[in-house]
Amino acid sequence: MQTKITLDWFEVAMASHVGWLRQVHSLKDNRKSGAKLNTAGWTEHCEGACGEYAVAKFLGITWNGSVDTFKADDLPGIQVRTRSKHDYELIVRKHDTEETNWILVTGVAPDFWVRGWMPGSKAKQSQWLRDYGGRPEAYFIPTKELLPMDTFGKS
């Protein structure tokens, strides 16, 4: 089951401000994208923060909007990957932790779709390993392979 989450405009403003802070800190500290992105990063940070907020709203939990926490979970026990296009896959990178759950969100603010999830321990399967556009290899998990959100948090 995939669920549409529409953020209220004050939620978009709050989450986008966190994305803005993340980008400003990256520029100030002269950080480069670990994924070798060729973009400025503003859109990725703002939409990514909005995607995190959308998942928190969907799950009914608090999003802390952290900045400079890097590999810490976006939400307790969860990493969120926000993709702009609805046919895009969940990306899990080789260096990403296997000890957390990964959730795919697609869309752009204010409208997001929570597509599904996968435990990190199951995400790194060789059949999903791809090298797109000269960027580092990563695991691209098709949406049809993701677990439905109604199974999230259940044993």
Foldseek 3Di string as FASTA:
>chain_A
DKDKFFDDPVLLVVLLVLLVVQLVVCVVVVHDDLQRDPDSRSQVSSQLSLQLVRVCVVVVHDQPSDHPPPLDDRDVLEHEDEEADPFFFFKDAPPHDQRGKYWYWYHGHRMIMGQAIDRSVPQDDPVQWDQPPNTDIIGGHGSVPGHHPVCPPPD
